[in-house]
Amino acid sequence: MRGLGVLLGKEFTEILRTWRLFVVPGILIFFGISSPILAELTPQLLSSMSGLADQGVVIEIPPATTADAYLQFNKNAMQIALIAVIIATAGAIAGERSSGTAQIVLAKPVSRTAMVAAKALSNWGLILVAVAVASLLCAGVTALIFDTDLLPEFAGVVGLWYVLAMFLVALTLFFSAALGSNAGAAGAGIAVYFTLTIGSLWETVREFTPVGLLGAGDRIIMGTTDVPVVWPVITGLAGAFALVGLAAVAFGRKEL
């Protein structure tokens, strides 16, 4: 992969100078801070919104717990943050082709494979730092409001989310290279994401594919034992690297 180091430097410089530094990291950090607060306030909000209290009907809503805070974060990360990851990655290759940047970059002694690998590694690195900061903030705010229980479980859940994010970044990169359209890559990536959520209804699919990463976090936080995560993690990582390879092949066949 000729020129990988140079291209990685280019990608990280662009991250620091453009909107990419704020979108996905900003969303994750917002959820990291707000999820424990929202979990604490939700029972009170539900009680105050119920009109039955004026009729003498009392609805007892149990107080929020540490698990509620982490479940709130995981839900937001699994839904909104992952869709943001897909949209933010959709133009990684297609956008540079349409703008002419790819032609300029590849005029230098660098390879197309290195360019795709740099895209994948830089996005994976950005998301890793972002989710690490967000999860530390979430754990800190949760400790202030609730307690320090479930920290090992929460760390494991964040790790599972990151593997799924890696897989979806690689998938979107493949669509970005193969389709050559920002909107097409984003649409295809989101369509596959929702297909995965439907696939999570089948137990066998959950046990042996990355689909199992979607719901495993909630079950771990809620105390479910023997949640199958080994094969979902293995297939998720293998799928991520395989999709980056396929993206390189697809990009290599495109005219600039």
Protein backbone atom coordinates (compact mmCIF):
# COMPACT_ATOMS: atom_id res chain seq x y z
CA MET A 1 0.00 0.00 0.00
CA ARG A 2 2.19 2.76 -1.34
CA GLY A 3 1.84 6.09 0.48
CA LEU A 4 -0.37 4.92 3.35
CA GLY A 5 1.44 7.04 5.95
CA VAL A 6 1.18 10.19 3.84
CA LEU A 7 -2.50 9.60 3.16
CA LEU A 8 -3.22 8.97 6.83
CA GLY A 9 -1.59 12.29 7.64
CA LYS A 10 -3.80 13.96 5.04
CA GLU A 11 -6.95 12.36 6.46
CA PHE A 12 -6.22 13.33 10.07
CA THR A 13 -5.35 16.88 9.01
CA GLU A 14 -8.69 17.14 7.21
CA ILE A 15 -10.49 15.79 10.27
CA LEU A 16 -8.95 18.50 12.45
CA ARG A 17 -9.81 21.26 9.96
CA THR A 18 -13.30 20.30 8.81
CA TRP A 19 -16.79 19.47 10.09
CA ARG A 20 -15.82 15.81 10.50
CA LEU A 21 -14.25 16.66 13.86
CA PHE A 22 -17.59 17.77 15.28
CA VAL A 23 -20.44 15.74 13.77
CA VAL A 24 -20.11 12.16 15.04
CA PRO A 25 -17.93 13.10 18.05
CA GLY A 26 -20.36 15.89 18.93
CA ILE A 27 -23.35 13.56 18.78
CA LEU A 28 -21.65 10.91 20.90
CA ILE A 29 -20.42 13.40 23.50
CA PHE A 30 -23.87 14.97 23.72
CA PHE A 31 -25.40 11.56 24.37
CA GLY A 32 -22.67 10.74 26.86
CA ILE A 33 -23.56 13.76 28.98
CA SER A 34 -27.32 13.85 28.45
CA SER A 35 -28.23 10.16 28.72
CA PRO A 36 -27.80 9.84 32.52
CA ILE A 37 -29.60 13.16 33.03
CA LEU A 38 -32.48 12.09 30.79
CA ALA A 39 -32.70 8.75 32.56
CA GLU A 40 -32.96 10.52 35.92
CA LEU A 41 -35.62 12.97 34.72
CA THR A 42 -37.77 10.56 32.69
CA PRO A 43 -39.80 9.13 35.63
CA GLN A 44 -40.56 12.66 36.85
CA LEU A 45 -41.54 13.81 33.37
CA LEU A 46 -43.83 10.84 32.87
CA SER A 47 -45.49 11.46 36.23
CA SER A 48 -46.04 15.15 35.53
CA MET A 49 -47.40 14.51 32.02
CA SER A 50 -50.00 12.04 33.24
CA GLY A 51 -53.41 13.69 33.45
CA LEU A 52 -54.66 10.92 35.71
CA ALA A 53 -53.10 12.53 38.76
CA ASP A 54 -55.78 15.24 38.66
CA GLN A 55 -58.42 12.51 38.80
CA GLY A 56 -57.00 11.00 41.94
CA VAL A 57 -55.24 8.16 40.14
CA VAL A 58 -51.67 7.65 41.31
CA ILE A 59 -49.21 6.03 38.93
CA GLU A 60 -46.07 4.80 40.62
CA ILE A 61 -43.06 4.92 38.32
CA PRO A 62 -39.92 3.33 39.76
CA PRO A 63 -36.94 5.65 40.15
CA ALA A 64 -34.25 5.52 37.53
CA THR A 65 -31.15 3.40 38.06
CA THR A 66 -27.62 3.15 36.74
CA ALA A 67 -28.81 0.59 34.21
CA ASP A 68 -31.34 3.10 32.84
CA ALA A 69 -28.58 5.64 32.22
CA TYR A 70 -26.43 3.17 30.32
CA LEU A 71 -29.42 1.78 28.42
CA GLN A 72 -30.30 5.31 27.33
CA PHE A 73 -26.77 5.91 26.06
CA ASN A 74 -26.66 2.58 24.24
CA LYS A 75 -30.03 3.20 22.58
CA ASN A 76 -28.98 6.62 21.32
CA ALA A 77 -25.61 5.34 20.14
CA MET A 78 -27.13 2.34 18.37
CA GLN A 79 -29.73 4.39 16.56
CA ILE A 80 -28.88 8.04 15.96
CA ALA A 81 -25.08 7.87 16.25
CA LEU A 82 -24.71 4.90 13.90
CA ILE A 83 -26.87 6.55 11.24
CA ALA A 84 -24.70 9.67 11.62
CA VAL A 85 -21.61 7.47 11.15
CA ILE A 86 -23.05 6.11 7.89
CA ILE A 87 -23.97 9.54 6.53
CA ALA A 88 -20.60 11.04 7.52
CA THR A 89 -18.70 8.21 5.79
CA ALA A 90 -20.80 8.13 2.61
CA GLY A 91 -18.79 10.77 0.79
CA ALA A 92 -15.35 9.53 1.82
CA ILE A 93 -14.54 8.18 -1.64
CA ALA A 94 -17.45 9.26 -3.83
CA GLY A 95 -17.09 12.86 -2.69
CA GLU A 96 -13.39 13.00 -3.52
CA ARG A 97 -14.03 11.48 -6.95
CA SER A 98 -16.79 13.95 -7.82
CA SER A 99 -14.80 16.96 -6.56
CA GLY A 100 -11.64 15.95 -8.42
CA THR A 101 -9.60 15.61 -5.21
CA ALA A 102 -8.99 11.92 -5.84
CA GLN A 103 -7.38 12.66 -9.22
CA ILE A 104 -5.02 15.16 -7.62
CA VAL A 105 -4.09 12.85 -4.75
CA LEU A 106 -3.54 9.81 -6.99
CA ALA A 107 -1.30 11.81 -9.30
CA LYS A 108 1.27 11.48 -6.52
CA PRO A 109 3.14 8.22 -5.79
CA VAL A 110 0.30 6.68 -3.75
CA SER A 111 -1.97 3.74 -4.49
CA ARG A 112 -5.74 3.51 -4.57
CA THR A 113 -5.63 0.72 -2.01
CA ALA A 114 -3.68 2.96 0.37
CA MET A 115 -6.24 5.71 -0.16
CA VAL A 116 -9.13 3.42 0.81
CA ALA A 117 -7.20 2.02 3.78
CA ALA A 118 -6.42 5.55 4.99
CA LYS A 119 -10.11 6.43 4.80
CA ALA A 120 -11.02 3.39 6.87
CA LEU A 121 -8.28 3.80 9.48
CA SER A 122 -8.87 7.53 9.95
CA ASN A 123 -12.61 7.08 10.40
CA TRP A 124 -12.09 4.17 12.77
CA GLY A 125 -9.60 6.26 14.76
CA LEU A 126 -11.92 9.26 14.94
CA ILE A 127 -14.85 7.15 16.14
CA LEU A 128 -12.67 5.31 18.67
CA VAL A 129 -11.52 8.54 20.31
CA ALA A 130 -15.04 9.98 20.18
CA VAL A 131 -16.77 6.99 21.78
CA ALA A 132 -14.02 6.70 24.40
CA VAL A 133 -14.49 10.32 25.46
CA ALA A 134 -18.28 10.02 25.31
CA SER A 135 -18.36 6.83 27.37
CA LEU A 136 -16.03 8.30 30.01
CA LEU A 137 -18.30 11.34 30.29
CA CYS A 138 -21.36 9.09 30.50
CA ALA A 139 -19.77 6.99 33.23
CA GLY A 140 -18.72 10.11 35.13
CA VAL A 141 -22.14 11.78 35.01
CA THR A 142 -23.80 8.46 35.87
CA ALA A 143 -21.53 8.09 38.91
CA LEU A 144 -22.48 11.58 40.08
CA ILE A 145 -26.22 10.99 39.67
CA PHE A 146 -26.43 7.29 40.51
CA ASP A 147 -23.40 5.16 41.41
CA THR A 148 -20.43 3.36 39.92
CA ASP A 149 -22.16 0.02 39.38
CA LEU A 150 -22.04 -1.76 35.99
CA LEU A 151 -18.82 -0.06 34.85
CA PRO A 152 -17.27 -3.30 33.47
CA GLU A 153 -20.53 -4.17 31.72
CA PHE A 154 -20.77 -0.67 30.25
CA ALA A 155 -17.18 -0.85 28.98
CA GLY A 156 -17.98 -4.12 27.23
CA VAL A 157 -21.12 -2.64 25.69
CA VAL A 158 -19.13 0.31 24.32
CA GLY A 159 -16.65 -2.15 22.81
CA LEU A 160 -19.46 -4.02 21.06
CA TRP A 161 -20.82 -0.74 19.71
CA TYR A 162 -17.41 0.17 18.34
CA VAL A 163 -17.06 -3.14 16.48
CA LEU A 164 -20.45 -2.54 14.86
CA ALA A 165 -19.42 1.02 13.98
CA MET A 166 -16.25 -0.34 12.34
CA PHE A 167 -18.36 -2.73 10.28
CA LEU A 168 -20.75 0.00 9.14
CA VAL A 169 -17.91 2.38 8.26
CA ALA A 170 -16.36 -0.31 6.07
CA LEU A 171 -19.73 -1.14 4.52
CA THR A 172 -20.39 2.51 3.69
CA LEU A 173 -16.89 2.91 2.26
CA PHE A 174 -17.62 -0.02 -0.04
CA PHE A 175 -20.85 1.61 -1.23
CA SER A 176 -19.06 4.94 -1.60
CA ALA A 177 -16.46 3.31 -3.85
CA ALA A 178 -18.84 1.06 -5.77
CA LEU A 179 -21.74 3.47 -6.33
CA GLY A 180 -19.80 6.68 -6.75
CA SER A 181 -22.56 8.77 -5.15
CA ASN A 182 -22.74 10.31 -1.69
CA ALA A 183 -26.51 9.97 -1.51
CA GLY A 184 -26.44 6.45 -2.95
CA ALA A 185 -23.82 5.29 -0.47
CA ALA A 186 -25.68 6.84 2.47
CA GLY A 187 -29.00 5.38 1.35
CA ALA A 188 -27.54 1.92 0.80
CA GLY A 189 -25.74 1.99 4.14
CA ILE A 190 -28.87 3.02 6.03
CA ALA A 191 -30.91 0.38 4.18
CA VAL A 192 -28.46 -2.33 5.23
CA TYR A 193 -28.52 -1.02 8.81
CA PHE A 194 -32.30 -1.38 9.00
CA THR A 195 -32.04 -4.80 7.37
CA LEU A 196 -29.68 -5.81 10.16
CA THR A 197 -32.19 -4.65 12.77
CA ILE A 198 -34.82 -6.87 11.16
CA GLY A 199 -32.35 -9.76 11.06
CA SER A 200 -31.83 -9.41 14.80
CA LEU A 201 -35.25 -11.02 15.28
CA TRP A 202 -33.73 -14.42 14.37
CA GLU A 203 -31.72 -16.08 17.11
CA THR A 204 -29.35 -18.00 14.82
CA VAL A 205 -28.50 -14.85 12.90
CA ARG A 206 -27.84 -13.01 16.17
CA GLU A 207 -25.50 -15.69 17.44
CA PHE A 208 -23.15 -15.91 14.46
CA THR A 209 -23.21 -12.58 12.58
CA PRO A 210 -22.62 -8.88 13.33
CA VAL A 211 -26.39 -8.60 13.72
CA GLY A 212 -25.90 -9.90 17.26
CA LEU A 213 -24.06 -6.70 18.17
CA LEU A 214 -27.27 -4.68 17.85
CA GLY A 215 -29.11 -6.02 20.87
CA ALA A 216 -26.36 -7.59 22.94
CA GLY A 217 -25.56 -4.38 24.81
CA ASP A 218 -29.03 -3.94 26.27
CA ARG A 219 -29.15 -7.54 27.44
CA ILE A 220 -25.73 -7.26 29.09
CA ILE A 221 -26.70 -4.09 30.98
CA MET A 222 -29.97 -5.67 32.10
CA GLY A 223 -28.03 -8.58 33.60
CA THR A 224 -28.78 -11.30 31.08
CA THR A 225 -26.21 -14.06 31.32
CA ASP A 226 -24.63 -15.97 28.43
CA VAL A 227 -25.20 -13.26 25.82
CA PRO A 228 -23.52 -14.57 22.63
CA VAL A 229 -20.93 -11.98 21.58
CA VAL A 230 -17.87 -13.96 20.49
CA TRP A 231 -19.03 -14.82 16.99
CA PRO A 232 -20.70 -11.45 16.37
CA VAL A 233 -17.42 -9.74 17.28
CA ILE A 234 -15.34 -12.11 15.12
CA THR A 235 -17.61 -11.84 12.10
CA GLY A 236 -17.98 -8.09 12.63
CA LEU A 237 -14.23 -7.50 12.58
CA ALA A 238 -13.66 -9.95 9.73
CA GLY A 239 -16.49 -8.36 7.77
CA ALA A 240 -15.06 -4.88 8.36
CA PHE A 241 -11.63 -5.76 6.99
CA ALA A 242 -13.13 -7.76 4.12
CA LEU A 243 -15.36 -4.83 3.13
CA VAL A 244 -12.38 -2.45 3.14
CA GLY A 245 -10.66 -4.87 0.76
CA LEU A 246 -13.75 -4.98 -1.45
CA ALA A 247 -13.92 -1.19 -1.38
CA ALA A 248 -10.31 -1.05 -2.61
CA VAL A 249 -11.14 -3.46 -5.42
CA ALA A 250 -14.25 -1.48 -6.41
CA PHE A 251 -12.35 1.82 -6.32
CA GLY A 252 -9.54 0.32 -8.39
CA ARG A 253 -12.00 -0.46 -11.20
CA LYS A 254 -13.50 3.04 -11.32
CA GLU A 255 -12.41 5.69 -13.74
CA LEU A 256 -11.33 8.93 -12.13
